[in-house]
C-alpha cells in the first residue's frame, strides 16, 4: 500500500488478491481501494462478495457451451448477483461458477 500511495499508477489489475482472506478482511481491502486511491482505476478479479460492495461497476465472466461470456451486472443485493439461473452456470469441470470482475 505504501508504494501505491508514493507513486500511484493510473490503473491496476489484481487477480483474486482476497482468495485467502475472510469476508471482513475482503471488505476492508475494498474500502481501502475505494477511499485511498480515488485517482486510480482498479480491475479486480474475485469470487468473494466483499469487494463487490465497493465497486463502481461489476462484470461477470462465465463459460457456457464452449464460449466465454462477459456481461455487465447491475449492483443488487449480493445474493442476487448470479441471477435465477445459478444452477445452470457450471463450467463442466467441477461446477465452478462464473468469476466476477469489480471495476472501481
Protein backbone atom coordinates (compact mmCIF):
# COMPACT_ATOMS: atom_id res chain seq x y z
CA UNK A 1 0.00 0.00 0.00
CA UNK A 2 2.87 2.36 0.73
CA UNK A 3 4.20 2.03 -2.82
CA UNK A 4 0.74 2.66 -4.24
CA UNK A 5 0.50 5.89 -2.28
CA UNK A 6 4.08 7.01 -3.01
CA UNK A 7 3.87 6.77 -6.80
CA UNK A 8 0.35 5.80 -7.89
CA UNK A 9 -0.34 4.37 -11.34
CA UNK A 10 -3.49 5.22 -13.31
CA UNK A 11 -4.63 1.57 -13.43
CA UNK A 12 -4.06 -1.69 -11.52
CA UNK A 13 -5.14 -5.23 -12.38
CA UNK A 14 -5.48 -7.55 -9.38
CA UNK A 15 -6.37 -11.24 -9.69
CA UNK A 16 -8.01 -12.87 -6.64
CA UNK A 17 -5.99 -10.91 -4.09
CA UNK A 18 -8.60 -11.87 -1.49
CA UNK A 19 -8.51 -15.65 -2.09
CA UNK A 20 -7.03 -16.47 1.34
CA UNK A 21 -8.95 -13.81 3.28
CA UNK A 22 -12.19 -14.00 5.23
CA UNK A 23 -15.16 -11.73 4.50
CA UNK A 24 -14.25 -8.91 6.90
CA UNK A 25 -10.72 -8.58 5.51
CA UNK A 26 -12.02 -8.76 1.95
CA UNK A 27 -14.44 -5.90 2.65
CA UNK A 28 -11.61 -3.92 4.25
CA UNK A 29 -9.49 -4.22 1.09
CA UNK A 30 -12.42 -2.99 -0.99
CA UNK A 31 -12.87 0.01 1.28
CA UNK A 32 -9.14 0.82 1.13
CA UNK A 33 -9.11 0.73 -2.65
CA UNK A 34 -12.20 2.93 -2.87
CA UNK A 35 -11.20 5.56 -0.30
CA UNK A 36 -7.41 5.86 -0.58
CA UNK A 37 -6.85 5.53 -4.31
CA UNK A 38 -9.50 7.73 -5.88
CA UNK A 39 -7.22 8.77 -8.74
CA UNK A 40 -6.56 5.19 -9.90
CA UNK A 41 -8.70 2.58 -11.60
CA UNK A 42 -8.68 -0.99 -10.30
CA UNK A 43 -9.74 -4.07 -12.20
CA UNK A 44 -10.14 -6.79 -9.58
CA UNK A 45 -10.96 -10.43 -10.30
CA UNK A 46 -12.61 -12.11 -7.32
CA UNK A 47 -15.05 -14.82 -6.31
CA UNK A 48 -15.95 -13.15 -3.00
CA UNK A 49 -18.70 -10.65 -2.29
CA UNK A 50 -16.66 -8.31 -0.07
CA UNK A 51 -15.03 -6.42 -2.91
CA UNK A 52 -18.20 -6.05 -4.96
CA UNK A 53 -19.95 -3.79 -2.47
CA UNK A 54 -17.25 -1.16 -3.08
CA UNK A 55 -17.20 -1.43 -6.87
CA UNK A 56 -18.49 1.23 -9.23
CA UNK A 57 -19.14 -1.32 -12.00
CA UNK A 58 -19.40 -5.13 -11.90
CA UNK A 59 -18.79 -7.52 -14.78
CA UNK A 60 -19.47 -11.25 -14.66
CA UNK A 61 -17.45 -13.67 -16.78
CA UNK A 62 -18.62 -17.24 -17.23
CA UNK A 63 -18.05 -20.18 -19.51
CA UNK A 64 -21.07 -21.77 -21.17
CA UNK A 65 -21.31 -24.15 -24.12
CA UNK A 66 -17.66 -23.63 -25.09
CA UNK A 67 -17.92 -19.85 -25.10
CA UNK A 68 -16.80 -17.24 -22.58
CA UNK A 69 -19.50 -14.70 -21.78
CA UNK A 70 -18.78 -11.33 -20.16
CA UNK A 71 -21.71 -9.18 -19.11
CA UNK A 72 -22.21 -6.09 -17.02
CA UNK A 73 -24.08 -6.85 -13.81
CA UNK A 74 -26.32 -4.29 -12.12
CA UNK A 75 -25.44 -3.76 -8.48
CA UNK A 76 -28.04 -5.51 -6.38
CA UNK A 77 -28.07 -7.41 -3.16
CA UNK A 78 -25.18 -9.87 -3.01
CA UNK A 79 -27.47 -12.92 -3.03
CA UNK A 80 -28.94 -12.00 -6.43
CA UNK A 81 -25.73 -11.22 -8.33
CA UNK A 82 -25.79 -14.61 -10.03
CA UNK A 83 -29.42 -14.29 -11.04
CA UNK A 84 -32.03 -17.00 -11.31
CA UNK A 85 -30.01 -19.40 -13.48
CA UNK A 86 -27.41 -20.03 -10.78
CA UNK A 87 -27.61 -23.82 -11.08
CA UNK A 88 -27.06 -23.70 -14.83
CA UNK A 89 -23.76 -21.83 -14.62
CA UNK A 90 -21.41 -24.76 -14.29
CA UNK A 91 -18.31 -24.90 -16.40
CA UNK A 92 -18.47 -28.66 -16.83
CA UNK A 93 -15.25 -29.10 -14.84
CA UNK A 94 -16.14 -29.10 -11.18
CA UNK A 95 -19.11 -26.75 -11.25
CA UNK A 96 -17.25 -23.52 -10.52
CA UNK A 97 -19.49 -20.53 -11.06
CA UNK A 98 -18.50 -17.53 -13.11
CA UNK A 99 -15.91 -15.08 -11.93
CA UNK A 100 -16.87 -11.52 -11.39
CA UNK A 101 -14.67 -8.55 -12.00
CA UNK A 102 -15.11 -5.39 -9.99
CA UNK A 103 -14.07 -2.13 -11.57
CA UNK A 104 -13.59 0.76 -9.17
